[in-house]
PDB file of N, CA and C in Angstrom:
ATOM      1  N   MET A   1     -16.887  12.832  -1.217  1.00  0.00           N
ATOM      2  CA  MET A   1     -15.636  13.548  -1.181  1.00  0.00           C
ATOM      3  C   MET A   1     -14.521  12.685  -1.783  1.00  0.00           C
ATOM      4  N   LEU A   2     -14.528  11.387  -1.469  1.00  0.00           N
ATOM      5  CA  LEU A   2     -13.498  10.504  -2.000  1.00  0.00           C
ATOM      6  C   LEU A   2     -13.594  10.400  -3.524  1.00  0.00           C
ATOM      7  N   LEU A   3     -14.800  10.384  -4.048  1.00  0.00           N
ATOM      8  CA  LEU A   3     -14.958  10.352  -5.507  1.00  0.00           C
ATOM      9  C   LEU A   3     -14.364  11.607  -6.139  1.00  0.00           C
ATOM     10  N   MET A   4     -14.529  12.757  -5.482  1.00  0.00           N
ATOM     11  CA  MET A   4     -13.974  13.997  -5.994  1.00  0.00           C
ATOM     12  C   MET A   4     -12.447  13.929  -5.989  1.00  0.00           C
ATOM     13  N   VAL A   5     -11.874  13.375  -4.943  1.00  0.00           N
ATOM     14  CA  VAL A   5     -10.417  13.239  -4.853  1.00  0.00           C
ATOM     15  C   VAL A   5      -9.914  12.315  -5.965  1.00  0.00           C
ATOM     16  N   LEU A   6     -10.632  11.227  -6.216  1.00  0.00           N
ATOM     17  CA  LEU A   6     -10.236  10.319  -7.296  1.00  0.00           C
ATOM     18  C   LEU A   6     -10.334  11.002  -8.653  1.00  0.00           C
ATOM     19  N   LYS A   7     -11.369  11.810  -8.838  1.00  0.00           N
ATOM     20  CA  LYS A   7     -11.495  12.536 -10.098  1.00  0.00           C
ATOM     21  C   LYS A   7     -10.344  13.527 -10.250  1.00  0.00           C
ATOM     22  N   ALA A   8      -9.966  14.190  -9.172  1.00  0.00           N
ATOM     23  CA  ALA A   8      -8.824  15.114  -9.213  1.00  0.00           C
ATOM     24  C   ALA A   8      -7.550  14.359  -9.572  1.00  0.00           C
ATOM     25  N   GLY A   9      -7.342  13.196  -8.961  1.00  0.00           N
ATOM     26  CA  GLY A   9      -6.159  12.391  -9.271  1.00  0.00           C
ATOM     27  C   GLY A   9      -6.103  12.000 -10.730  1.00  0.00           C
ATOM     28  N   GLU A  10      -7.254  11.675 -11.281  1.00  0.00           N
ATOM     29  CA  GLU A  10      -7.317  11.327 -12.706  1.00  0.00           C
ATOM     30  C   GLU A  10      -6.932  12.533 -13.563  1.00  0.00           C
ATOM     31  N   GLU A  11      -7.428  13.711 -13.203  1.00  0.00           N
ATOM     32  CA  GLU A  11      -7.147  14.918 -13.971  1.00  0.00           C
ATOM     33  C   GLU A  11      -5.676  15.343 -13.872  1.00  0.00           C
ATOM     34  N   PHE A  12      -5.101  15.224 -12.689  1.00  0.00           N
ATOM     35  CA  PHE A  12      -3.718  15.656 -12.498  1.00  0.00           C
ATOM     36  C   PHE A  12      -2.726  14.766 -13.237  1.00  0.00           C
ATOM     37  N   ARG A  13      -3.084  13.489 -13.381  1.00  0.00           N
ATOM     38  CA  ARG A  13      -2.231  12.517 -14.068  1.00  0.00           C
ATOM     39  C   ARG A  13      -0.824  12.451 -13.465  1.00  0.00           C
ATOM     40  N   ILE A  14      -0.767  12.544 -12.152  1.00  0.00           N
ATOM     41  CA  ILE A  14       0.508  12.428 -11.435  1.00  0.00           C
ATOM     42  C   ILE A  14       0.348  11.356 -10.384  1.00  0.00           C
ATOM     43  N   PRO A  15       0.789  10.194 -10.543  1.00  0.00           N
ATOM     44  CA  PRO A  15       1.292   9.649 -11.807  1.00  0.00           C
ATOM     45  C   PRO A  15       0.130   9.364 -12.760  1.00  0.00           C
ATOM     46  N   ASN A  16       0.431   9.029 -13.967  1.00  0.00           N
ATOM     47  CA  ASN A  16      -0.607   8.786 -14.969  1.00  0.00           C
ATOM     48  C   ASN A  16      -1.269   7.441 -14.696  1.00  0.00           C
ATOM     49  N   MET A  17      -2.285   7.479 -13.860  1.00  0.00           N
ATOM     50  CA  MET A  17      -2.969   6.253 -13.442  1.00  0.00           C
ATOM     51  C   MET A  17      -4.482   6.380 -13.673  1.00  0.00           C
ATOM     52  N   ALA A  18      -4.875   6.981 -14.785  1.00  0.00           N
ATOM     53  CA  ALA A  18      -6.288   7.230 -15.054  1.00  0.00           C
ATOM     54  C   ALA A  18      -7.116   5.957 -14.958  1.00  0.00           C
ATOM     55  N   THR A  19      -6.600   4.844 -15.441  1.00  0.00           N
ATOM     56  CA  THR A  19      -7.340   3.580 -15.390  1.00  0.00           C
ATOM     57  C   THR A  19      -7.592   3.180 -13.945  1.00  0.00           C
ATOM     58  N   ASP A  20      -6.572   3.323 -13.094  1.00  0.00           N
ATOM     59  CA  ASP A  20      -6.730   2.978 -11.679  1.00  0.00           C
ATOM     60  C   ASP A  20      -7.743   3.887 -10.996  1.00  0.00           C
ATOM     61  N   TYR A  21      -7.684   5.180 -11.293  1.00  0.00           N
ATOM     62  CA  TYR A  21      -8.642   6.106 -10.694  1.00  0.00           C
ATOM     63  C   TYR A  21     -10.062   5.763 -11.120  1.00  0.00           C
ATOM     64  N   ASN A  22     -10.249   5.457 -12.398  1.00  0.00           N
ATOM     65  CA  ASN A  22     -11.577   5.085 -12.888  1.00  0.00           C
ATOM     66  C   ASN A  22     -12.067   3.803 -12.235  1.00  0.00           C
ATOM     67  N   LEU A  23     -11.180   2.828 -12.091  1.00  0.00           N
ATOM     68  CA  LEU A  23     -11.544   1.559 -11.471  1.00  0.00           C
ATOM     69  C   LEU A  23     -11.962   1.769 -10.013  1.00  0.00           C
ATOM     70  N   LEU A  24     -11.179   2.548  -9.260  1.00  0.00           N
ATOM     71  CA  LEU A  24     -11.530   2.821  -7.863  1.00  0.00           C
ATOM     72  C   LEU A  24     -12.853   3.577  -7.759  1.00  0.00           C
ATOM     73  N   SER A  25     -13.070   4.541  -8.640  1.00  0.00           N
ATOM     74  CA  SER A  25     -14.335   5.277  -8.633  1.00  0.00           C
ATOM     75  C   SER A  25     -15.508   4.346  -8.900  1.00  0.00           C
ATOM     76  N   SER A  26     -15.350   3.467  -9.867  1.00  0.00           N
ATOM     77  CA  SER A  26     -16.417   2.514 -10.193  1.00  0.00           C
ATOM     78  C   SER A  26     -16.705   1.602  -9.009  1.00  0.00           C
ATOM     79  N   LYS A  27     -15.652   1.145  -8.335  1.00  0.00           N
ATOM     80  CA  LYS A  27     -15.846   0.278  -7.174  1.00  0.00           C
ATOM     81  C   LYS A  27     -16.579   1.014  -6.055  1.00  0.00           C
ATOM     82  N   LEU A  28     -16.217   2.259  -5.829  1.00  0.00           N
ATOM     83  CA  LEU A  28     -16.918   3.039  -4.801  1.00  0.00           C
ATOM     84  C   LEU A  28     -18.393   3.219  -5.144  1.00  0.00           C
ATOM     85  N   LEU A  29     -18.665   3.546  -6.401  1.00  0.00           N
ATOM     86  CA  LEU A  29     -20.055   3.731  -6.821  1.00  0.00           C
ATOM     87  C   LEU A  29     -20.845   2.428  -6.694  1.00  0.00           C
ATOM     88  N   ASN A  30     -20.215   1.308  -6.996  1.00  0.00           N
ATOM     89  CA  ASN A  30     -20.915   0.024  -6.971  1.00  0.00           C
ATOM     90  C   ASN A  30     -21.318  -0.436  -5.583  1.00  0.00           C
ATOM     91  N   VAL A  31     -20.658   0.039  -4.537  1.00  0.00           N
ATOM     92  CA  VAL A  31     -21.037  -0.372  -3.179  1.00  0.00           C
ATOM     93  C   VAL A  31     -22.124   0.521  -2.589  1.00  0.00           C
ATOM     94  N   MET A  32     -22.510   1.554  -3.313  1.00  0.00           N
ATOM     95  CA  MET A  32     -23.562   2.455  -2.829  1.00  0.00           C
ATOM     96  C   MET A  32     -24.940   1.913  -3.195  1.00  0.00           C
ATOM     97  N   PRO A  33     -25.943   2.240  -2.383  1.00  0.00           N
ATOM     98  CA  PRO A  33     -27.320   1.915  -2.775  1.00  0.00           C
ATOM     99  C   PRO A  33     -27.655   2.604  -4.104  1.00  0.00           C
ATOM    100  N   ASP A  34     -28.571   2.039  -4.864  1.00  0.00           N
ATOM    101  CA  ASP A  34     -28.889   2.539  -6.207  1.00  0.00           C
ATOM    102  C   ASP A  34     -29.151   4.037  -6.247  1.00  0.00           C
ATOM    103  N   GLU A  35     -29.992   4.531  -5.344  1.00  0.00           N
ATOM    104  CA  GLU A  35     -30.348   5.948  -5.361  1.00  0.00           C
ATOM    105  C   GLU A  35     -29.122   6.831  -5.110  1.00  0.00           C
ATOM    106  N   GLU A  36     -28.295   6.446  -4.148  1.00  0.00           N
ATOM    107  CA  GLU A  36     -27.095   7.225  -3.850  1.00  0.00           C
ATOM    108  C   GLU A  36     -26.076   7.125  -4.983  1.00  0.00           C
ATOM    109  N   ARG A  37     -25.981   5.974  -5.608  1.00  0.00           N
ATOM    110  CA  ARG A  37     -25.043   5.788  -6.715  1.00  0.00           C
ATOM    111  C   ARG A  37     -25.368   6.738  -7.861  1.00  0.00           C
ATOM    112  N   GLN A  38     -26.644   6.804  -8.216  1.00  0.00           N
ATOM    113  CA  GLN A  38     -27.046   7.695  -9.303  1.00  0.00           C
ATOM    114  C   GLN A  38     -26.790   9.156  -8.943  1.00  0.00           C
ATOM    115  N   LYS A  39     -27.105   9.525  -7.703  1.00  0.00           N
ATOM    116  CA  LYS A  39     -26.898  10.900  -7.257  1.00  0.00           C
ATOM    117  C   LYS A  39     -25.410  11.237  -7.234  1.00  0.00           C
ATOM    118  N   ALA A  40     -24.574  10.322  -6.718  1.00  0.00           N
ATOM    119  CA  ALA A  40     -23.130  10.560  -6.653  1.00  0.00           C
ATOM    120  C   ALA A  40     -22.542  10.705  -8.058  1.00  0.00           C
ATOM    121  N   ALA A  41     -22.957   9.859  -8.977  1.00  0.00           N
ATOM    122  CA  ALA A  41     -22.464   9.949 -10.359  1.00  0.00           C
ATOM    123  C   ALA A  41     -22.881  11.277 -10.985  1.00  0.00           C
ATOM    124  N   GLN A  42     -24.095  11.718 -10.693  1.00  0.00           N
ATOM    125  CA  GLN A  42     -24.578  12.997 -11.224  1.00  0.00           C
ATOM    126  C   GLN A  42     -23.771  14.154 -10.641  1.00  0.00           C
ATOM    127  N   VAL A  43     -23.569  14.145  -9.335  1.00  0.00           N
ATOM    128  CA  VAL A  43     -22.827  15.228  -8.684  1.00  0.00           C
ATOM    129  C   VAL A  43     -21.387  15.281  -9.187  1.00  0.00           C
ATOM    130  N   ILE A  44     -20.720  14.144  -9.244  1.00  0.00           N
ATOM    131  CA  ILE A  44     -19.315  14.125  -9.662  1.00  0.00           C
ATOM    132  C   ILE A  44     -19.167  14.561 -11.118  1.00  0.00           C
ATOM    133  N   SER A  45     -20.198  14.371 -11.922  1.00  0.00           N
ATOM    134  CA  SER A  45     -20.122  14.824 -13.314  1.00  0.00           C
ATOM    135  C   SER A  45     -20.169  16.344 -13.424  1.00  0.00           C
ATOM    136  N   HIS A  46     -20.553  17.025 -12.349  1.00  0.00           N
ATOM    137  CA  HIS A  46     -20.612  18.486 -12.339  1.00  0.00           C
ATOM    138  C   HIS A  46     -19.404  19.121 -11.661  1.00  0.00           C
ATOM    139  N   ILE A  47     -18.367  18.341 -11.435  1.00  0.00           N
ATOM    140  CA  ILE A  47     -17.151  18.854 -10.807  1.00  0.00           C
ATOM    141  C   ILE A  47     -16.006  18.694 -11.800  1.00  0.00           C
ATOM    142  N   ASN A  48     -15.339  19.805 -12.103  1.00  0.00           N
ATOM    143  CA  ASN A  48     -14.245  19.779 -13.074  1.00  0.00           C
ATOM    144  C   ASN A  48     -12.992  20.409 -12.491  1.00  0.00           C
ATOM    145  N   PHE A  49     -11.864  19.914 -12.919  1.00  0.00           N
ATOM    146  CA  PHE A  49     -10.578  20.426 -12.470  1.00  0.00           C
ATOM    147  C   PHE A  49      -9.810  20.963 -13.669  1.00  0.00           C
ATOM    148  N   ASP A  50      -9.336  22.183 -13.556  1.00  0.00           N
ATOM    149  CA  ASP A  50      -8.505  22.798 -14.578  1.00  0.00           C
ATOM    150  C   ASP A  50      -7.342  23.450 -13.836  1.00  0.00           C
ATOM    151  N   ILE A  51      -6.446  22.619 -13.348  1.00  0.00           N
ATOM    152  CA  ILE A  51      -5.402  23.099 -12.454  1.00  0.00           C
ATOM    153  C   ILE A  51      -4.037  22.704 -12.990  1.00  0.00           C
ATOM    154  N   LEU A  52      -3.186  23.693 -13.163  1.00  0.00           N
ATOM    155  CA  LEU A  52      -1.803  23.416 -13.537  1.00  0.00           C
ATOM    156  C   LEU A  52      -0.934  23.267 -12.302  1.00  0.00           C
ATOM    157  N   ARG A  53      -1.355  23.903 -11.225  1.00  0.00           N
ATOM    158  CA  ARG A  53      -0.636  23.814  -9.961  1.00  0.00           C
ATOM    159  C   ARG A  53      -1.630  24.062  -8.842  1.00  0.00           C
ATOM    160  N   ILE A  54      -1.268  23.679  -7.646  1.00  0.00           N
ATOM    161  CA  ILE A  54      -2.145  23.865  -6.497  1.00  0.00           C
ATOM    162  C   ILE A  54      -1.535  24.920  -5.594  1.00  0.00           C
ATOM    163  N   ILE A  55      -2.310  25.944  -5.286  1.00  0.00           N
ATOM    164  CA  ILE A  55      -1.869  27.000  -4.386  1.00  0.00           C
ATOM    165  C   ILE A  55      -2.884  27.078  -3.257  1.00  0.00           C
ATOM    166  N   PRO A  56      -2.692  26.304  -2.189  1.00  0.00           N
ATOM    167  CA  PRO A  56      -3.705  26.258  -1.136  1.00  0.00           C
ATOM    168  C   PRO A  56      -3.813  27.524  -0.298  1.00  0.00           C
ATOM    169  N   LYS A  57      -2.817  28.399  -0.306  1.00  0.00           N
ATOM    170  CA  LYS A  57      -2.906  29.628   0.477  1.00  0.00           C
ATOM    171  C   LYS A  57      -4.052  30.483  -0.048  1.00  0.00           C
ATOM    172  N   GLY A  58      -4.823  31.024   0.854  1.00  0.00           N
ATOM    173  CA  GLY A  58      -5.918  31.891   0.462  1.00  0.00           C
ATOM    174  C   GLY A  58      -7.248  31.177   0.288  1.00  0.00           C
ATOM    175  N   TYR A  59      -7.266  29.847   0.351  1.00  0.00           N
ATOM    176  CA  TYR A  59      -8.527  29.129   0.272  1.00  0.00           C
ATOM    177  C   TYR A  59      -9.294  29.379   1.567  1.00  0.00           C
ATOM    178  N   ALA A  60     -10.559  29.657   1.474  1.00  0.00           N
ATOM    179  CA  ALA A  60     -11.373  29.881   2.671  1.00  0.00           C
ATOM    180  C   ALA A  60     -11.590  28.554   3.400  1.00  0.00           C
ATOM    181  N   ASP A  61     -11.500  28.603   4.720  1.00  0.00           N
ATOM    182  CA  ASP A  61     -11.729  27.395   5.520  1.00  0.00           C
ATOM    183  C   ASP A  61     -13.177  26.943   5.417  1.00  0.00           C
ATOM    184  N   ASP A  62     -13.383  25.650   5.366  1.00  0.00           N
ATOM    185  CA  ASP A  62     -14.708  25.028   5.406  1.00  0.00           C
ATOM    186  C   ASP A  62     -15.650  25.496   4.299  1.00  0.00           C
ATOM    187  N   VAL A  63     -15.130  25.910   3.162  1.00  0.00           N
ATOM    188  CA  VAL A  63     -16.007  26.373   2.090  1.00  0.00           C
ATOM    189  C   VAL A  63     -16.476  25.224   1.197  1.00  0.00           C
ATOM    190  N   LEU A  64     -15.685  24.165   1.075  1.00  0.00           N
ATOM    191  CA  LEU A  64     -16.026  23.087   0.149  1.00  0.00           C
ATOM    192  C   LEU A  64     -17.222  22.264   0.607  1.00  0.00           C
ATOM    193  N   LYS A  65     -17.314  21.988   1.894  1.00  0.00           N
ATOM    194  CA  LYS A  65     -18.394  21.128   2.399  1.00  0.00           C
ATOM    195  C   LYS A  65     -19.789  21.662   2.060  1.00  0.00           C
ATOM    196  N   PRO A  66     -20.111  22.941   2.342  1.00  0.00           N
ATOM    197  CA  PRO A  66     -21.460  23.409   1.978  1.00  0.00           C
ATOM    198  C   PRO A  66     -21.717  23.422   0.469  1.00  0.00           C
ATOM    199  N   ILE A  67     -20.669  23.626  -0.316  1.00  0.00           N
ATOM    200  CA  ILE A  67     -20.840  23.606  -1.773  1.00  0.00           C
ATOM    201  C   ILE A  67     -21.188  22.187  -2.234  1.00  0.00           C
ATOM    202  N   LEU A  68     -20.451  21.205  -1.730  1.00  0.00           N
ATOM    203  CA  LEU A  68     -20.738  19.816  -2.100  1.00  0.00           C
ATOM    204  C   LEU A  68     -22.112  19.378  -1.605  1.00  0.00           C
ATOM    205  N   GLU A  69     -22.496  19.817  -0.409  1.00  0.00           N
ATOM    206  CA  GLU A  69     -23.831  19.487   0.106  1.00  0.00           C
ATOM    207  C   GLU A  69     -24.917  20.091  -0.777  1.00  0.00           C
ATOM    208  N   ALA A  70     -24.719  21.319  -1.244  1.00  0.00           N
ATOM    209  CA  ALA A  70     -25.701  21.948  -2.133  1.00  0.00           C
ATOM    210  C   ALA A  70     -25.795  21.198  -3.454  1.00  0.00           C
ATOM    211  N   LEU A  71     -24.658  20.752  -3.994  1.00  0.00           N
ATOM    212  CA  LEU A  71     -24.687  19.948  -5.217  1.00  0.00           C
ATOM    213  C   LEU A  71     -25.428  18.641  -4.979  1.00  0.00           C
ATOM    214  N   TRP A  72     -25.143  17.992  -3.841  1.00  0.00           N
ATOM    215  CA  TRP A  72     -25.760  16.704  -3.518  1.00  0.00           C
ATOM    216  C   TRP A  72     -27.268  16.848  -3.372  1.00  0.00           C
ATOM    217  N   LYS A  73     -27.712  17.903  -2.701  1.00  0.00           N
ATOM    218  CA  LYS A  73     -29.130  18.101  -2.420  1.00  0.00           C
ATOM    219  C   LYS A  73     -29.853  18.867  -3.524  1.00  0.00           C
ATOM    220  N   SER A  74     -29.126  19.297  -4.540  1.00  0.00           N
ATOM    221  CA  SER A  74     -29.686  20.132  -5.611  1.00  0.00           C
ATOM    222  C   SER A  74     -30.386  21.356  -5.026  1.00  0.00           C
ATOM    223  N   SER A  75     -29.724  21.966  -4.060  1.00  0.00           N
ATOM    224  CA  SER A  75     -30.312  23.141  -3.410  1.00  0.00           C
ATOM    225  C   SER A  75     -29.503  24.387  -3.746  1.00  0.00           C
ATOM    226  N   ASP A  76     -30.112  25.533  -3.506  1.00  0.00           N
ATOM    227  CA  ASP A  76     -29.449  26.804  -3.748  1.00  0.00           C
ATOM    228  C   ASP A  76     -28.418  27.089  -2.668  1.00  0.00           C
ATOM    229  N   LEU A  77     -27.492  27.941  -3.001  1.00  0.00           N
ATOM    230  CA  LEU A  77     -26.472  28.401  -2.063  1.00  0.00           C
ATOM    231  C   LEU A  77     -26.588  29.913  -1.934  1.00  0.00           C
ATOM    232  N   GLN A  78     -26.299  30.423  -0.761  1.00  0.00           N
ATOM    233  CA  GLN A  78     -26.263  31.870  -0.582  1.00  0.00           C
ATOM    234  C   GLN A  78     -24.820  32.263  -0.321  1.00  0.00           C
ATOM    235  N   LEU A  79     -24.359  33.253  -1.056  1.00  0.00           N
ATOM    236  CA  LEU A  79     -22.985  33.710  -0.966  1.00  0.00           C
ATOM    237  C   LEU A  79     -22.984  35.171  -0.537  1.00  0.00           C
ATOM    238  N   SER A  80     -22.177  35.496   0.450  1.00  0.00           N
ATOM    239  CA  SER A  80     -21.995  36.874   0.869  1.00  0.00           C
ATOM    240  C   SER A  80     -20.570  37.280   0.539  1.00  0.00           C
ATOM    241  N   TYR A  81     -20.408  38.489   0.033  1.00  0.00           N
ATOM    242  CA  TYR A  81     -19.081  38.950  -0.357  1.00  0.00           C
ATOM    243  C   TYR A  81     -18.981  40.456  -0.164  1.00  0.00           C
ATOM    244  N   TYR A  82     -17.772  40.926  -0.033  1.00  0.00           N
ATOM    245  CA  TYR A  82     -17.515  42.347   0.147  1.00  0.00           C
ATOM    246  C   TYR A  82     -17.377  43.010  -1.214  1.00  0.00           C
ATOM    247  N   HIS A  83     -18.066  44.130  -1.407  1.00  0.00           N
ATOM    248  CA  HIS A  83     -18.008  44.898  -2.644  1.00  0.00           C
ATOM    249  C   HIS A  83     -17.212  46.173  -2.353  1.00  0.00           C
ATOM    250  N   PRO A  84     -15.921  46.220  -2.738  1.00  0.00           N
ATOM    251  CA  PRO A  84     -15.070  47.341  -2.350  1.00  0.00           C
ATOM    252  C   PRO A  84     -15.485  48.687  -2.937  1.00  0.00           C
ATOM    253  N   GLU A  85     -16.043  48.720  -4.141  1.00  0.00           N
ATOM    254  CA  GLU A  85     -16.447  49.986  -4.743  1.00  0.00           C
ATOM    255  C   GLU A  85     -17.604  50.631  -3.989  1.00  0.00           C
ATOM    256  N   ARG A  86     -18.458  49.809  -3.411  1.00  0.00           N
ATOM    257  CA  ARG A  86     -19.612  50.322  -2.660  1.00  0.00           C
ATOM    258  C   ARG A  86     -19.369  50.309  -1.154  1.00  0.00           C
ATOM    259  N   ASN A  87     -18.275  49.654  -0.745  1.00  0.00           N
ATOM    260  CA  ASN A  87     -17.963  49.484   0.672  1.00  0.00           C
ATOM    261  C   ASN A  87     -19.131  48.832   1.412  1.00  0.00           C
ATOM    262  N   THR A  88     -19.681  47.791   0.786  1.00  0.00           N
ATOM    263  CA  THR A  88     -20.817  47.068   1.365  1.00  0.00           C
ATOM    264  C   THR A  88     -20.580  45.563   1.251  1.00  0.00           C
ATOM    265  N   THR A  89     -21.320  44.828   2.064  1.00  0.00           N
ATOM    266  CA  THR A  89     -21.355  43.381   1.933  1.00  0.00           C
ATOM    267  C   THR A  89     -22.647  43.028   1.216  1.00  0.00           C
ATOM    268  N   GLU A  90     -22.525  42.254   0.170  1.00  0.00           N
ATOM    269  CA  GLU A  90     -23.678  41.880  -0.643  1.00  0.00           C
ATOM    270  C   GLU A  90     -23.931  40.385  -0.506  1.00  0.00           C
ATOM    271  N   SER A  91     -25.161  39.981  -0.704  1.00  0.00           N
ATOM    272  CA  SER A  91     -25.528  38.563  -0.669  1.00  0.00           C
ATOM    273  C   SER A  91     -26.228  38.202  -1.964  1.00  0.00           C
ATOM    274  N   ARG A  92     -25.924  37.027  -2.449  1.00  0.00           N
ATOM    275  CA  ARG A  92     -26.562  36.500  -3.658  1.00  0.00           C
ATOM    276  C   ARG A  92     -26.946  35.050  -3.395  1.00  0.00           C
ATOM    277  N   ARG A  93     -28.080  34.662  -3.909  1.00  0.00           N
ATOM    278  CA  ARG A  93     -28.534  33.275  -3.849  1.00  0.00           C
ATOM    279  C   ARG A  93     -28.427  32.731  -5.273  1.00  0.00           C
ATOM    280  N   PHE A  94     -27.868  31.536  -5.405  1.00  0.00           N
ATOM    281  CA  PHE A  94     -27.694  30.978  -6.742  1.00  0.00           C
ATOM    282  C   PHE A  94     -27.812  29.458  -6.711  1.00  0.00           C
ATOM    283  N   SER A  95     -28.068  28.910  -7.874  1.00  0.00           N
ATOM    284  CA  SER A  95     -28.132  27.455  -8.051  1.00  0.00           C
ATOM    285  C   SER A  95     -26.832  26.997  -8.685  1.00  0.00           C
ATOM    286  N   LEU A  96     -26.272  25.948  -8.133  1.00  0.00           N
ATOM    287  CA  LEU A  96     -25.022  25.421  -8.670  1.00  0.00           C
ATOM    288  C   LEU A  96     -25.284  24.608  -9.926  1.00  0.00           C
ATOM    289  N   ILE A  97     -24.488  24.832 -10.921  1.00  0.00           N
ATOM    290  CA  ILE A  97     -24.550  24.048 -12.144  1.00  0.00           C
ATOM    291  C   ILE A  97     -23.323  23.160 -12.228  1.00  0.00           C
ATOM    292  N   GLU A  98     -22.177  23.741 -11.860  1.00  0.00           N
ATOM    293  CA  GLU A  98     -20.928  23.028 -11.993  1.00  0.00           C
ATOM    294  C   GLU A  98     -19.928  23.595 -10.997  1.00  0.00           C
ATOM    295  N   LEU A  99     -19.066  22.751 -10.480  1.00  0.00           N
ATOM    296  CA  LEU A  99     -18.005  23.172  -9.579  1.00  0.00           C
ATOM    297  C   LEU A  99     -16.696  23.014 -10.323  1.00  0.00           C
ATOM    298  N   GLN A 100     -15.974  24.118 -10.502  1.00  0.00           N
ATOM    299  CA  GLN A 100     -14.707  24.080 -11.221  1.00  0.00           C
ATOM    300  C   GLN A 100     -13.577  24.466 -10.288  1.00  0.00           C
ATOM    301  N   PHE A 101     -12.510  23.722 -10.357  1.00  0.00           N
ATOM    302  CA  PHE A 101     -11.303  24.047  -9.614  1.00  0.00           C
ATOM    303  C   PHE A 101     -10.283  24.556 -10.615  1.00  0.00           C
ATOM    304  N   GLY A 102      -9.702  25.704 -10.327  1.00  0.00           N
ATOM    305  CA  GLY A 102      -8.681  26.264 -11.206  1.00  0.00           C
ATOM    306  C   GLY A 102      -7.566  26.875 -10.396  1.00  0.00           C
ATOM    307  N   ASP A 103      -6.484  27.189 -11.068  1.00  0.00           N
ATOM    308  CA  ASP A 103      -5.329  27.752 -10.378  1.00  0.00           C
ATOM    309  C   ASP A 103      -5.345  29.264 -10.362  1.00  0.00           C
ATOM    310  N   GLY A 104      -6.390  29.881 -10.916  1.00  0.00           N
ATOM    311  CA  GLY A 104      -6.500  31.332 -10.880  1.00  0.00           C
ATOM    312  C   GLY A 104      -5.820  32.029 -12.049  1.00  0.00           C
ATOM    313  N   LEU A 105      -5.162  31.281 -12.913  1.00  0.00           N
ATOM    314  CA  LEU A 105      -4.503  31.895 -14.057  1.00  0.00           C
ATOM    315  C   LEU A 105      -5.481  31.955 -15.229  1.00  0.00           C
ATOM    316  N   GLN A 106      -5.433  33.049 -15.956  1.00  0.00           N
ATOM    317  CA  GLN A 106      -6.244  33.160 -17.157  1.00  0.00           C
ATOM    318  C   GLN A 106      -5.585  32.331 -18.264  1.00  0.00           C
ATOM    319  N   ASP A 107      -6.377  31.897 -19.238  1.00  0.00           N
ATOM    320  CA  ASP A 107      -5.836  31.082 -20.328  1.00  0.00           C
ATOM    321  C   ASP A 107      -4.667  31.735 -21.015  1.00  0.00           C
ATOM    322  N   HIS A 108      -4.741  33.052 -21.220  1.00  0.00           N
ATOM    323  CA  HIS A 108      -3.663  33.718 -21.945  1.00  0.00           C
ATOM    324  C   HIS A 108      -2.386  33.844 -21.128  1.00  0.00           C
ATOM    325  N   GLN A 109      -2.466  33.601 -19.822  1.00  0.00           N
ATOM    326  CA  GLN A 109      -1.287  33.676 -18.979  1.00  0.00           C
ATOM    327  C   GLN A 109      -0.575  32.344 -18.858  1.00  0.00           C
ATOM    328  N   ARG A 110      -1.172  31.297 -19.288  1.00  0.00           N
ATOM    329  CA  ARG A 110      -0.584  29.963 -19.148  1.00  0.00           C
ATOM    330  C   ARG A 110       0.480  29.777 -20.128  1.00  0.00           C
TER     331      ARG A 110
END
């Protein structure tokens, strides 16, 4: 989780301390056992931030932890959601490829 926060800090560039964020990330990775270090580097490479602003309202509680665990374990996730046109709750099982954080704005709206 801390590596993800450091990656977010690097992306936000507030303040512009990319070198410091990279250095801290490297130090964190270096204190991990070899197997965990490789896994952490792999997982963090699949997390991207494309955020112009942060709007925390509306984020579901406790949703990030199971997503990160699925990335760490390379396991599938099951998602349930409401389908308003059918008035049903649907479930889907999927494999995570990448975790992207965005502000919800489409490119043409930026």
